Protein backbone atom coordinates (compact mmCIF):
# COMPACT_ATOMS: atom_id res chain seq x y z
CA MET A 1 99.01 45.99 -29.14
CA ALA A 2 96.93 43.50 -27.09
CA LEU A 3 93.78 45.24 -25.87
CA ILE A 4 92.01 43.63 -22.92
CA GLU A 5 88.43 44.56 -22.10
CA CYS A 6 87.60 44.99 -18.39
CA ASN A 7 84.32 44.85 -16.57
CA PHE A 8 84.16 47.71 -14.02
CA ILE A 9 82.04 47.26 -10.86
CA LYS A 10 81.22 49.74 -8.09
CA THR A 11 80.37 48.19 -4.68
CA GLN A 12 80.25 50.47 -1.63
CA ASN A 13 83.80 51.84 -1.12
CA ILE A 14 85.48 49.57 -3.68
CA TYR A 15 85.76 50.26 -7.44
CA SER A 16 87.05 47.12 -9.18
CA ALA A 17 88.12 45.97 -12.66
CA THR A 18 87.62 42.34 -13.72
CA VAL A 19 89.25 40.43 -16.60
CA SER A 20 87.52 37.08 -17.18
CA LYS A 21 88.10 34.26 -19.68
CA ASN A 22 90.74 36.13 -21.67
CA LYS A 23 92.61 33.99 -24.23
CA LEU A 24 95.43 36.45 -25.02
CA LEU A 25 98.84 35.34 -23.76
CA GLU A 26 100.05 38.92 -23.22
CA VAL A 27 98.27 41.84 -21.61
CA VAL A 28 99.33 45.32 -22.81
CA TYR A 29 96.47 47.74 -22.33
CA PHE A 30 93.18 47.68 -20.40
CA TYR A 31 89.95 49.34 -21.54
CA GLY A 32 86.21 49.24 -20.79
CA ASN A 33 83.09 51.22 -19.91
CA HIS A 34 83.46 52.94 -16.54
CA LYS A 35 80.60 53.39 -14.07
CA ASN A 36 79.37 56.66 -12.55
CA ASN A 37 81.95 58.91 -14.28
CA LYS A 38 84.84 56.87 -12.82
CA ASN A 39 88.20 56.30 -14.54
CA ASN A 40 91.28 54.08 -14.25
CA PHE A 41 92.70 56.19 -11.40
CA ASP A 42 89.69 55.22 -9.25
CA VAL A 43 90.29 51.46 -9.59
CA THR A 44 91.57 49.96 -6.31
CA TRP A 45 91.05 46.25 -7.03
CA LEU A 46 92.08 44.28 -10.15
CA TYR A 47 90.74 40.73 -10.57
CA PHE A 48 91.92 38.21 -13.22
CA HIS A 49 89.84 35.01 -13.62
CA SER A 50 90.14 32.01 -16.00
CA SER A 51 92.63 33.68 -18.35
CA GLU A 52 95.36 32.24 -20.57
CA PHE A 53 98.43 34.38 -19.73
CA ILE A 54 101.36 32.53 -18.09
CA LYS A 55 103.46 35.55 -17.07
CA MET A 56 102.42 38.44 -14.90
CA PRO A 57 101.55 41.61 -16.91
CA ARG A 58 104.29 44.26 -16.47
CA ASN A 59 102.33 47.41 -17.12
CA ILE A 60 99.46 47.19 -14.65
CA HIS A 61 100.66 50.39 -12.93
CA GLU A 62 100.24 52.35 -16.19
CA SER A 63 96.50 51.60 -16.32
CA PHE A 64 95.72 51.40 -12.60
CA PRO A 65 98.31 53.42 -10.60
CA ASN A 66 96.26 53.47 -7.36
CA LEU A 67 95.74 49.71 -7.14
CA ASN A 68 95.24 48.46 -3.56
CA GLU A 69 94.38 44.80 -4.16
CA LEU A 70 95.38 42.24 -6.83
CA THR A 71 93.55 38.90 -7.20
CA ILE A 72 94.41 36.20 -9.77
CA SER A 73 92.39 32.94 -9.83
CA SER A 74 92.13 29.89 -12.12
CA CYS A 75 94.70 31.21 -14.60
CA LYS A 76 97.75 29.61 -16.23
CA LEU A 77 100.18 31.94 -14.41
CA ASN A 78 103.40 30.03 -13.55
CA SER A 79 105.81 32.80 -12.52
CA ILE A 80 105.83 36.21 -10.83
CA GLU A 81 108.83 38.56 -10.42
CA ARG A 82 109.67 41.64 -8.32
CA GLU A 83 109.49 43.88 -11.40
CA ASN A 84 105.85 42.92 -11.92
CA LEU A 85 104.92 44.49 -8.56
CA SER A 86 107.58 47.17 -8.04
CA ASN A 87 105.46 49.97 -9.53
CA LEU A 88 102.47 49.29 -7.29
CA PRO A 89 103.56 50.91 -3.98
CA ASN A 90 99.99 51.12 -2.62
CA LEU A 91 99.35 47.39 -2.97
CA ALA A 92 98.10 46.01 0.37
CA LYS A 93 96.61 42.69 -0.62
CA ILE A 94 97.77 39.93 -3.01
CA ILE A 95 95.67 36.79 -3.61
CA ILE A 96 96.87 34.25 -6.20
CA TYR A 97 95.04 30.89 -6.02
CA ASP A 98 94.30 27.94 -8.32
CA CYS A 99 97.22 28.85 -10.59
CA GLY A 100 100.52 27.18 -11.49
CA LEU A 101 103.13 29.13 -9.47
CA LYS A 102 106.21 27.02 -8.67
CA LYS A 103 108.70 29.50 -7.15
CA LEU A 104 108.67 32.65 -4.97
CA ASN A 105 111.89 34.70 -4.80
CA GLY A 106 112.97 36.42 -1.58
CA ASP A 107 112.81 39.94 -3.07
CA LEU A 108 109.30 39.51 -4.51
CA PHE A 109 107.63 41.87 -2.01
CA ARG A 110 110.68 44.12 -1.33
CA ASP A 111 108.98 47.24 -2.79
CA LEU A 112 105.57 46.68 -1.20
CA LYS A 113 105.92 48.34 2.21
CA LYS A 114 102.12 48.56 2.65
CA LEU A 115 101.48 44.85 2.06
CA GLU A 116 99.16 43.39 4.73
CA TYR A 117 97.58 40.30 3.21
CA ILE A 118 99.24 37.45 1.20
CA SER A 119 97.57 34.26 -0.13
CA PHE A 120 99.06 31.65 -2.50
CA PHE A 121 96.36 29.07 -1.85
CA ASN A 122 96.32 25.89 -4.04
CA ASN A 123 99.29 26.49 -6.37
CA LYS A 124 102.20 24.20 -7.31
CA LEU A 125 104.89 25.84 -5.16
CA GLU A 126 108.16 23.91 -5.12
CA GLU A 127 110.53 26.63 -3.83
CA ILE A 128 109.97 29.55 -1.41
CA ASP A 129 112.82 31.79 -0.25
CA PRO A 130 112.87 31.87 3.61
CA THR A 131 113.39 35.66 3.54
CA ILE A 132 110.30 36.35 1.48
CA LEU A 133 108.40 37.79 4.47
CA SER A 134 111.18 40.15 5.58
CA GLU A 135 110.78 43.91 5.59
CA LEU A 136 106.97 43.78 5.53
CA PRO A 137 106.05 45.90 8.58
CA LYS A 138 102.26 45.81 8.05
CA LEU A 139 101.87 42.11 7.21
CA TRP A 140 99.19 40.38 9.28
CA TYR A 141 97.86 37.47 7.13
CA VAL A 142 99.70 34.74 5.13
CA ASP A 143 98.20 31.61 3.46
CA PHE A 144 100.33 28.92 1.75
CA ARG A 145 97.84 26.02 2.07
CA LYS A 146 97.18 23.38 -0.61
CA ASN A 147 100.83 23.42 -1.81
CA SER A 148 101.80 19.82 -1.17
CA ASN A 149 105.58 20.18 -1.57
CA ILE A 150 106.15 23.03 0.91
CA ASP A 151 106.81 20.92 4.04
CA MET A 152 109.30 18.69 2.26
CA LEU A 153 111.14 21.57 0.58
CA PHE A 154 111.27 23.73 3.70
CA ASP A 155 112.70 20.76 5.55
CA SER A 156 115.75 21.05 3.28
CA LYS A 157 115.82 24.84 2.92
CA ILE A 158 115.41 25.95 6.56
CA PRO A 159 118.34 25.13 8.93
CA ASN A 160 118.04 22.71 11.83
CA GLY A 161 115.21 20.71 10.23
CA LYS A 162 112.56 23.39 10.62
CA THR A 163 109.21 22.68 8.94
CA LEU A 164 106.21 24.66 7.82
CA GLN A 165 104.98 24.71 11.42
CA ASP A 166 108.16 26.58 12.36
CA LEU A 167 107.51 28.94 9.45
CA ASN A 168 104.01 29.48 10.82
CA ARG A 169 105.44 30.50 14.18
CA GLU A 170 107.87 32.85 12.49
CA ILE A 171 104.97 34.35 10.52
CA PHE A 172 103.06 34.77 13.79
CA HIS A 173 105.97 36.61 15.41
CA LYS A 174 106.48 38.67 12.28
CA CYS A 175 102.85 39.70 12.26
CA GLN A 176 102.86 40.74 15.99
CA PRO A 177 101.30 42.68 17.56
CA LYS A 178 98.47 42.10 15.05
CA PRO A 179 95.87 39.44 15.97
CA ARG A 180 96.93 35.92 15.05
CA ILE A 181 94.84 33.79 12.70
CA ASP A 182 95.32 30.04 12.99
CA LEU A 183 96.37 28.80 9.55
CA SER A 184 95.45 25.23 10.35
CA VAL A 185 91.72 26.02 10.50
CA GLN A 186 91.52 28.97 8.09
CA SER A 187 89.50 28.09 5.04
CA GLY A 188 90.67 29.32 1.64
CA PRO A 189 88.64 30.80 -1.18
CA SER A 190 86.31 28.66 -3.22
CA GLU A 191 87.49 27.24 -6.51
CA GLN A 192 84.61 28.85 -8.42
CA GLN A 193 84.36 32.08 -6.34
CA LYS A 194 82.05 34.67 -7.78
CA LEU A 195 82.90 38.33 -7.91
CA GLN A 196 80.03 39.54 -5.74
CA GLN A 197 80.76 37.00 -2.97
CA ASN A 198 84.43 37.98 -3.05
CA ASN A 199 83.42 41.62 -2.62
CA ALA A 200 81.31 40.71 0.41
CA PHE A 201 84.30 38.83 1.85
CA GLU A 202 86.52 41.86 1.32
CA ILE A 203 83.98 44.18 2.96
CA GLU A 204 83.93 41.94 6.03
CA ASN A 205 87.74 41.99 6.16
CA GLN A 206 87.80 45.78 5.84
CA LYS A 207 85.33 46.07 8.70
CA LEU A 208 87.45 43.68 10.76
CA LYS A 209 90.63 45.66 10.12
CA SER A 210 88.88 48.93 10.95
CA GLU A 211 87.61 47.55 14.24
CA ILE A 212 91.01 46.09 15.10
CA ASN A 213 92.82 49.38 14.38
CA LYS A 214 90.29 51.29 16.45
CA LEU A 215 90.72 48.88 19.36
CA LYS A 216 94.53 49.08 19.06
CA THR A 217 94.49 52.86 19.27
CA GLU A 218 92.10 53.02 22.22
CA LEU A 219 93.56 50.20 24.37
CA ASN A 220 97.28 50.54 23.51
CA TYR A 221 97.66 46.92 22.53
CA SER A 222 97.09 45.49 26.03
CA ASN A 223 97.03 41.73 26.52
CA ASP A 224 93.34 41.87 27.33
CA THR A 225 92.74 43.78 24.12
CA ILE A 226 94.61 41.10 22.13
CA GLU A 227 92.41 38.42 23.65
CA ASP A 228 89.31 40.45 22.79
CA LEU A 229 90.61 40.94 19.28
CA ASP A 230 91.30 37.20 18.98
CA HIS A 231 87.74 36.52 20.09
CA LEU A 232 86.41 39.04 17.59
CA ALA A 233 88.63 37.63 14.86
CA ASN A 234 87.40 34.12 15.60
CA LYS A 235 83.82 35.37 15.40
CA HIS A 236 84.44 36.98 12.04
CA ARG A 237 86.36 33.92 10.88
CA ARG A 238 83.34 31.76 11.65
CA GLU A 239 81.14 34.18 9.76
CA ILE A 240 83.56 34.08 6.84
CA THR A 241 83.57 30.27 6.99
CA ILE A 242 79.76 30.29 6.82
CA LEU A 243 79.88 32.67 3.86
CA LEU A 244 82.43 30.47 2.10
CA ALA A 245 80.27 27.39 2.76
CA LYS A 246 77.30 29.21 1.25
CA GLN A 247 79.52 30.21 -1.66
CA SER A 248 80.54 26.57 -2.10
CA ARG A 249 76.90 25.49 -2.20
CA LEU A 250 76.09 28.24 -4.67
CA ASP A 251 79.02 27.17 -6.83
CA LYS A 252 77.82 23.57 -6.77
CA GLU A 253 74.30 24.68 -7.70
CA LEU A 254 75.78 26.81 -10.47
CA ARG A 255 77.79 23.86 -11.80
CA ASP A 256 74.68 21.67 -11.69
CA ALA A 257 72.69 24.38 -13.47
CA ASN A 258 75.41 24.70 -16.12
CA GLN A 259 75.45 20.93 -16.55
CA ILE A 260 71.66 20.87 -16.97
CA ALA A 261 71.90 23.78 -19.42
CA ASN A 262 74.52 21.88 -21.43
CA GLU A 263 72.35 18.76 -21.44
CA ILE A 264 69.37 20.84 -22.60
CA LYS A 265 71.57 22.38 -25.29
CA ASN A 266 72.67 18.90 -26.43
CA LEU A 267 69.06 17.69 -26.45
CA LYS A 268 68.04 20.71 -28.52
CA ALA A 269 70.88 19.99 -30.94
CA GLN A 270 69.79 16.34 -31.18
CA ASN A 271 66.18 17.44 -31.66
CA LYS A 272 67.29 19.84 -34.39
CA ASN A 273 69.21 17.02 -36.09
CA LEU A 274 66.13 14.79 -35.89
CA ASP A 275 63.98 17.59 -37.33
CA ASN A 276 66.45 18.01 -40.19
CA LEU A 277 66.41 14.24 -40.79
CA VAL A 278 62.59 14.18 -40.80
CA ASN A 279 62.48 17.16 -43.18
CA ASN A 280 64.94 15.44 -45.51
CA GLN A 281 62.84 12.25 -45.41
CA ARG A 282 59.71 14.31 -46.16
CA LYS A 283 61.44 16.03 -49.07
CA GLN A 284 62.58 12.67 -50.46
CA LEU A 285 59.08 11.21 -50.07
CA THR A 286 57.55 14.29 -51.71
CA SER A 287 60.01 13.97 -54.59
CA LEU A 288 59.24 10.27 -54.97
CA LEU A 289 55.50 10.96 -54.87
CA ALA A 290 55.95 13.64 -57.53
CA LYS A 291 57.82 11.13 -59.70
CA GLN A 292 55.09 8.58 -59.01
CA SER A 293 52.46 11.16 -60.00
CA ARG A 294 54.26 11.81 -63.27
CA GLN A 295 54.43 8.07 -63.92
CA ASP A 296 50.71 7.83 -63.11
CA LYS A 297 49.96 10.57 -65.63
CA VAL A 298 51.98 8.73 -68.28
CA ILE A 299 50.07 5.51 -67.50
CA LYS A 300 46.76 7.38 -67.61
CA ASP A 301 47.63 8.93 -70.98
CA THR A 302 48.71 5.53 -72.26
CA ASN A 303 45.45 3.91 -71.17
CA ARG A 304 43.44 6.75 -72.70
CA ILE A 305 45.28 6.44 -76.02
CA ALA A 306 44.86 2.66 -75.95
CA ASN A 307 41.11 3.04 -75.38
CA GLU A 308 40.84 5.63 -78.14
CA ASN A 309 42.80 3.30 -80.38
CA GLU A 310 40.33 0.49 -79.65
CA SER A 311 37.44 2.82 -80.40
CA LEU A 312 39.06 3.87 -83.68
CA LYS A 313 39.62 0.24 -84.62
CA ALA A 314 35.97 -0.51 -83.96
CA GLU A 315 34.93 2.54 -86.03
CA ILE A 316 37.21 1.48 -88.88
CA LYS A 317 35.78 -2.02 -88.77
CA LYS A 318 32.29 -0.55 -88.89
CA LEU A 319 33.24 1.67 -91.84
CA LYS A 320 34.73 -1.31 -93.67
CA ASN A 321 31.53 -3.29 -93.17
CA GLU A 322 29.49 -0.37 -94.45
CA ASN A 323 31.82 -0.10 -97.42
CA ILE A 324 31.34 -3.79 -98.19
CA ASN A 325 27.57 -3.36 -97.94
CA LEU A 326 27.74 -0.35 -100.25
CA LYS A 327 29.81 -2.27 -102.77
CA SER A 328 27.28 -5.10 -102.62
CA GLU A 329 24.44 -2.63 -103.09
CA ILE A 330 26.23 -0.98 -106.01
CA GLN A 331 26.80 -4.40 -107.60
CA LYS A 332 23.15 -5.19 -107.17
CA ILE A 333 22.14 -1.90 -108.80
CA ASN A 334 24.54 -2.56 -111.68
CA ASN A 335 22.96 -5.96 -112.24
CA GLU A 336 19.50 -4.41 -112.28
CA ASN A 337 20.65 -1.78 -114.76
CA SER A 338 22.09 -4.48 -117.01
CA LYS A 339 18.80 -6.34 -116.98
CA GLN A 340 16.87 -3.19 -117.74
CA ALA A 341 19.20 -2.34 -120.61
CA ALA A 342 18.74 -5.83 -122.09
CA VAL A 343 14.98 -5.51 -121.92
CA SER A 344 15.01 -2.06 -123.51
CA GLN A 345 16.95 -3.35 -126.54
CA LYS A 346 14.21 -5.86 -127.54
CA PRO A 347 11.60 -4.79 -130.14
CA GLN A 348 8.46 -3.57 -128.47
CA SER A 349 5.01 -3.04 -129.70
CA GLU A 350 3.11 0.16 -129.42
CA ASN A 351 1.14 -1.32 -126.52
CA SER A 352 4.30 -1.67 -124.44
CA THR A 353 5.55 1.87 -125.05
CA SER A 354 4.22 3.15 -121.76
CA HIS A 355 5.82 0.24 -119.88
CA THR A 356 9.17 0.99 -121.49
CA SER A 357 8.89 4.62 -120.54
CA HIS A 358 8.23 3.61 -116.95
CA ILE A 359 11.27 1.35 -116.94
CA MET A 360 13.45 4.14 -118.32
CA THR A 361 12.29 6.45 -115.56
CA GLU A 362 13.16 3.87 -112.93
CA ASN A 363 16.51 3.36 -114.62
CA THR A 364 17.23 7.08 -114.37
CA ILE A 365 16.36 7.02 -110.68
CA LEU A 366 18.63 4.03 -110.13
CA ARG A 367 21.47 5.80 -111.91
CA LYS A 368 21.08 8.78 -109.63
CA GLU A 369 21.07 6.49 -106.60
CA ARG A 370 24.17 4.79 -107.98
CA GLN A 371 25.86 8.17 -108.35
CA ASN A 372 24.91 9.04 -104.78
CA LEU A 373 26.24 5.71 -103.54
CA LYS A 374 29.53 6.29 -105.37
CA SER A 375 29.82 9.71 -103.74
CA GLU A 376 29.07 8.20 -100.34
CA ASN A 377 31.62 5.46 -100.99
CA GLU A 378 34.27 8.04 -101.88
CA ARG A 379 33.43 9.96 -98.71
CA LEU A 380 33.73 6.79 -96.64
CA GLN A 381 37.02 5.91 -98.34
CA SER A 382 38.35 9.38 -97.54
CA SER A 383 37.16 9.06 -93.95
CA LEU A 384 38.79 5.63 -93.74
CA ARG A 385 42.11 7.05 -94.96
CA ASN A 386 41.88 9.86 -92.41
CA GLN A 387 41.15 7.35 -89.66
CA GLU A 388 44.15 5.25 -90.70
CA ILE A 389 46.37 8.35 -90.57
CA LEU A 390 44.95 9.18 -87.15
CA ILE A 391 45.62 5.63 -85.92
CA LYS A 392 49.18 5.86 -87.21
CA ASN A 393 49.72 9.11 -85.30
CA GLN A 394 48.16 7.60 -82.19
CA ARG A 395 50.50 4.62 -82.42
CA GLU A 396 53.50 6.93 -82.70
CA ASN A 397 52.31 8.89 -79.68
CA LEU A 398 51.76 5.64 -77.79
CA LYS A 399 55.28 4.52 -78.64
CA THR A 400 56.67 7.84 -77.38
CA LEU A 401 54.72 7.54 -74.14
CA GLN A 402 55.91 3.97 -73.65
CA GLU A 403 59.49 5.16 -73.98
CA LYS A 404 58.79 7.80 -71.35
CA ARG A 405 57.37 5.12 -69.08
CA LYS A 406 60.76 3.60 -68.45
CA ILE A 407 60.69 3.18 -64.71
CA ASP A 408 63.13 5.25 -62.68
CA PRO A 409 65.02 3.13 -60.04
CA SER A 410 63.66 5.42 -57.35
CA VAL A 411 60.11 4.46 -58.35
CA ASN A 412 60.94 0.79 -57.77
CA GLU A 413 62.37 1.73 -54.39
CA ILE A 414 59.25 3.61 -53.33
CA LYS A 415 57.10 0.69 -54.50
CA ARG A 416 59.18 -1.60 -52.30
CA ILE A 417 58.65 0.71 -49.33
CA LEU A 418 54.91 0.98 -50.02
CA ASN A 419 54.56 -2.81 -50.16
CA ASP A 420 56.33 -3.22 -46.80
CA PRO A 421 53.60 -3.61 -44.10
CA ALA A 422 55.96 -2.27 -41.44
CA PHE A 423 55.47 1.26 -42.77
CA LYS A 424 51.66 1.11 -42.98
CA ASP A 425 50.21 3.32 -40.24
CA PHE A 426 46.41 3.27 -40.72
CA THR A 427 43.58 0.70 -40.94
CA ILE A 428 40.47 0.91 -43.15
CA ASN A 429 37.69 -1.57 -42.29
CA VAL A 430 35.63 -2.65 -45.32
CA GLY A 431 32.92 -5.29 -45.10
CA GLU A 432 34.36 -8.08 -42.95
CA SER A 433 37.99 -7.29 -43.82
CA SER A 434 40.60 -4.74 -42.71
CA PHE A 435 43.21 -3.14 -44.94
CA LYS A 436 46.50 -1.71 -43.59
CA VAL A 437 47.39 1.39 -45.62
CA HIS A 438 49.77 4.35 -45.73
CA LYS A 439 47.90 7.34 -44.38
CA ILE A 440 49.91 9.88 -46.38
CA LEU A 441 49.41 8.01 -49.68
CA PHE A 442 45.62 7.68 -49.30
CA ALA A 443 45.40 11.32 -48.20
CA ALA A 444 47.27 12.35 -51.35
CA ARG A 445 44.93 10.39 -53.68
CA SER A 446 41.56 10.89 -51.92
CA ALA A 447 40.27 14.37 -51.04
CA THR A 448 37.62 12.88 -48.73
CA LEU A 449 40.16 10.84 -46.73
CA ASN A 450 42.51 13.81 -46.63
CA GLU A 451 39.80 15.88 -44.94
CA ILE A 452 39.00 13.04 -42.49
CA PHE A 453 42.69 12.67 -41.53
CA LYS A 454 43.04 16.43 -40.97
CA ASN A 455 39.98 16.59 -38.72
CA ASN A 456 40.99 13.45 -36.75
CA PRO A 457 44.82 13.38 -36.70
CA GLU A 458 44.94 10.94 -33.77
CA ALA A 459 42.63 8.34 -35.38
CA GLU A 460 44.19 5.01 -36.33
CA GLU A 461 41.31 3.36 -38.23
CA LEU A 462 38.25 4.17 -40.37
CA ASN A 463 35.07 2.16 -41.06
CA LEU A 464 33.75 2.01 -44.66
CA ARG A 465 31.45 -0.98 -44.14
CA ASP A 466 28.98 0.01 -46.90
CA ILE A 467 31.61 -0.25 -49.66
CA PRO A 468 31.86 -3.81 -51.07
CA GLU A 469 35.14 -5.53 -50.27
CA SER A 470 35.78 -6.43 -53.94
CA THR A 471 35.25 -2.78 -54.91
CA PHE A 472 37.71 -1.49 -52.29
CA LYS A 473 40.30 -4.05 -53.44
CA VAL A 474 40.17 -2.45 -56.91
CA ILE A 475 40.62 1.03 -55.35
CA TYR A 476 43.45 -0.26 -53.13
CA ASP A 477 45.23 -1.80 -56.14
CA PHE A 478 44.75 1.39 -58.15
CA ILE A 479 46.20 3.66 -55.42
CA TYR A 480 49.25 1.46 -54.85
CA ASN A 481 49.92 0.09 -58.37
CA ASN A 482 47.97 2.38 -60.76
CA ARG A 483 46.23 -0.52 -62.45
CA LEU A 484 42.61 -1.62 -62.91
CA SER A 485 41.25 -5.16 -62.98
CA ASP A 486 39.16 -6.20 -66.01
CA ASN A 487 36.78 -8.26 -63.85
CA ALA A 488 35.67 -5.43 -61.55
CA ASN A 489 32.18 -3.98 -61.29
CA TYR A 490 33.13 -0.55 -62.57
CA ILE A 491 29.77 1.01 -61.80
CA GLU A 492 30.42 0.29 -58.09
CA VAL A 493 34.11 1.30 -58.43
CA ILE A 494 33.28 4.69 -59.96
CA THR A 495 30.48 5.23 -57.43
CA ALA A 496 32.93 4.59 -54.56
CA ALA A 497 35.54 6.81 -56.25
CA ILE A 498 32.96 9.62 -56.41
CA ARG A 499 32.26 9.21 -52.69
CA LEU A 500 35.99 9.20 -51.78
CA LYS A 501 36.79 11.92 -54.36
CA ILE A 502 39.56 9.95 -56.09
CA ASN A 503 39.63 12.18 -59.16
CA ASP A 504 42.19 10.31 -61.27
CA LEU A 505 40.22 7.06 -60.85
CA ILE A 506 37.02 8.91 -61.86
CA GLU A 507 38.80 10.06 -65.03
CA ILE A 508 40.39 6.71 -65.98
CA ALA A 509 37.76 4.09 -65.04
CA PRO A 510 35.04 5.23 -67.52
CA SER A 511 37.26 4.32 -70.49
CA THR A 512 37.33 0.72 -69.20
CA LEU A 513 33.59 0.73 -68.43
CA LEU A 514 32.91 1.93 -72.00
CA ASN A 515 33.60 -1.56 -73.39
CA LYS A 516 31.49 -3.33 -70.74
CA ILE A 517 28.11 -1.66 -71.39
CA ASP A 518 25.19 -3.95 -72.32
CA GLU A 519 21.40 -3.78 -72.16
CA LYS A 520 21.46 -4.99 -68.51
CA ASN A 521 23.61 -2.19 -67.13
CA ALA A 522 23.08 0.52 -69.77
CA CYS A 523 20.51 2.40 -67.68
CA ASP A 524 22.77 2.38 -64.57
CA VAL A 525 25.70 3.56 -66.71
CA LEU A 526 23.53 6.37 -68.07
CA VAL A 527 22.73 7.49 -64.51
CA LEU A 528 26.44 7.31 -63.60
CA SER A 529 27.50 9.23 -66.74
CA ASN A 530 25.29 12.13 -65.73
CA LYS A 531 26.83 12.16 -62.23
CA ILE A 532 30.37 12.50 -63.57
CA ASN A 533 29.32 14.39 -66.74
CA ASN A 534 31.03 11.90 -69.09
CA GLU A 535 29.67 12.40 -72.62
CA LYS A 536 31.19 9.21 -74.09
CA LEU A 537 29.56 7.01 -71.46
CA ARG A 538 26.26 8.84 -71.91
CA GLN A 539 26.22 8.41 -75.70
CA LYS A 540 27.29 4.76 -75.60
CA ALA A 541 24.72 3.82 -72.93
CA PHE A 542 21.95 5.71 -74.73
CA GLU A 543 22.89 4.02 -78.02
CA ILE A 544 22.70 0.56 -76.40
CA ILE A 545 19.27 1.40 -74.94
CA GLN A 546 18.07 2.64 -78.35
CA ILE A 547 19.31 -0.42 -80.25
CA LYS A 548 18.68 -3.20 -77.75
CA ILE A 549 15.59 -2.03 -75.86
CA PHE A 550 13.77 0.33 -78.25
CA PRO A 551 14.83 -0.86 -81.74
CA GLU A 552 11.45 -0.04 -83.30
CA ARG A 553 11.19 3.52 -81.95
CA LYS A 554 13.43 6.59 -82.11
CA LEU A 555 14.05 7.99 -78.62
CA ALA A 556 14.34 11.74 -78.08
CA ASP A 557 17.94 12.85 -77.50
CA GLU A 558 16.87 14.80 -74.40
CA LEU A 559 16.20 11.49 -72.62
CA ALA A 560 19.97 10.84 -72.54
CA LYS A 561 20.24 13.56 -69.88
CA GLN A 562 17.10 12.40 -68.06
CA PRO A 563 18.02 8.86 -66.95
CA GLU A 564 15.24 8.70 -64.33
CA LYS A 565 12.51 9.22 -66.97
CA LEU A 566 14.22 6.81 -69.33
CA LYS A 567 14.47 4.20 -66.61
CA ALA A 568 10.75 4.59 -65.85
CA LEU A 569 10.01 4.21 -69.57
CA ILE A 570 12.11 1.03 -69.72
CA ASP A 571 10.27 -0.38 -66.70
CA VAL A 572 6.90 0.33 -68.40
CA LYS A 573 8.06 -1.36 -71.62
CA LYS A 574 9.31 -4.42 -69.76
CA LYS A 575 6.00 -4.70 -67.95
CA PHE A 576 4.08 -4.31 -71.25
CA ASP A 577 6.26 -6.93 -72.96
CA GLU A 578 5.70 -9.37 -70.11
CA GLU A 579 1.89 -8.92 -70.23
CA PHE A 580 1.83 -9.16 -74.03
CA GLU A 581 3.85 -12.38 -73.88
CA ASN A 582 1.50 -13.81 -71.27
CA LEU A 583 -1.53 -12.97 -73.47
CA ALA A 584 0.15 -14.55 -76.49
CA VAL A 585 0.80 -17.74 -74.55
CA LYS A 586 -2.82 -17.88 -73.43
CA GLY A 587 -4.04 -17.32 -77.04
CA GLU A 588 -1.93 -20.20 -78.29
CA ARG A 589 -3.37 -22.48 -75.63
CA ASN A 590 -6.94 -21.52 -76.55
């Protein structure tokens, strides 16, 4: 069973049911929510609009037995038969326009004795039976306009070469003594007629009919009354024409509004597609940056292991040198013992007894020292073996990390994109030069720049004039390529990294600076090590200061964490050394 939902509307004296945009090809039963306790028996007007059915529904009378008006517009209806209307005896008005009707049989309206109003405006009529308007005593309005084949077909159907104009005259006589409406100037319904405007049109017609019937009864259809009715009909026709013109304008505005709404909908869809594309690009970039970060971590671990390996090598070399020195010392002690033993074997006099006793005591002391040196040598040998095992493990770990460093193809692709200047969207001015950079990349690596970009999202450049150009080049190369130049001033690089809060550079750079400390920069390194709390830098710088600047005095360990005091002490010593040297030069001259 095909169920069709209706929209029920109550307007003044008319209770209507509307079926709109229905795609079912067959209508069997109507249902819907009634208004004001109404039911199907109260429906007097049924309106089909923009529906798919091609044949007239046969069971309309079962749902709406008291139907007075039937309107069908903009549907695919192509045929209508007597049996479709025979069970609707109260039907007074039929309007079928903008459909595909091709033929009207002569007995179509035979059972509709109350029919007053007929309109087949803008169909595809090819054949109309000449007797179709017979036996319709109450008919007063007929409209067959916008059916291009009617004149030609009636020319062959009606005897004696009659045309549609002759049919019009016959309709006029058939509709007498009702007021005549000139079909040549009557305007038909709008193509996109709305339900409320159609109701207003019907109300005007009902008023017109009521006035005409009243005038007919009172004046007994006199000729003067007919003229008055014609005048009144013309007045109402003009009013209806104005209403239809307004309806046409409203329909045009509605079509324009629908077109604009569709364009807005398309723009929203395009905008949504662009948003999805941008989100996908962001996800891909985030994924690539995550891969790059993992590669950076591998590189950082590799550099750290390499630096530790270098430190271990230096420690091993130092231990080997100490071992050689110990062996030399042991050999020297052995030689001394041999000499002492040779002396003790010679015959001695009683006067040399005390001397021999002294030598034996020294020999005992030397033996103890020899034993201590052997123990120390064994300890150093054990430490050396442990260091060699540690180096072996570090090499294996380094090999594993190097295998993990195999570059993913996507990393090469992102490097290509990052090296393309077309994608660089921000400028950083350093010294006398300007660097084009990727805003998102520098924001990801530098917490300071990230905060600046958030607070000034519209900014396109940033001035960092107080950072040396050579220093920023090292930072730029590190952010883009994760590498550090050996020739850089790493004290300035780390200082700039602290200012820009580039944490990974602050962690990696000290291992490179560790091998570049000398007596000229040791004090500055000590100050820097306390800023970043790097114990290795602090110990190495303090050791250089102890050995190179204060070799004759043991410095207190607390001074390693008080670089300002130590620097003042170094300045005092330099000044003292300069004055002492000047005095020595003067003494030599005198």
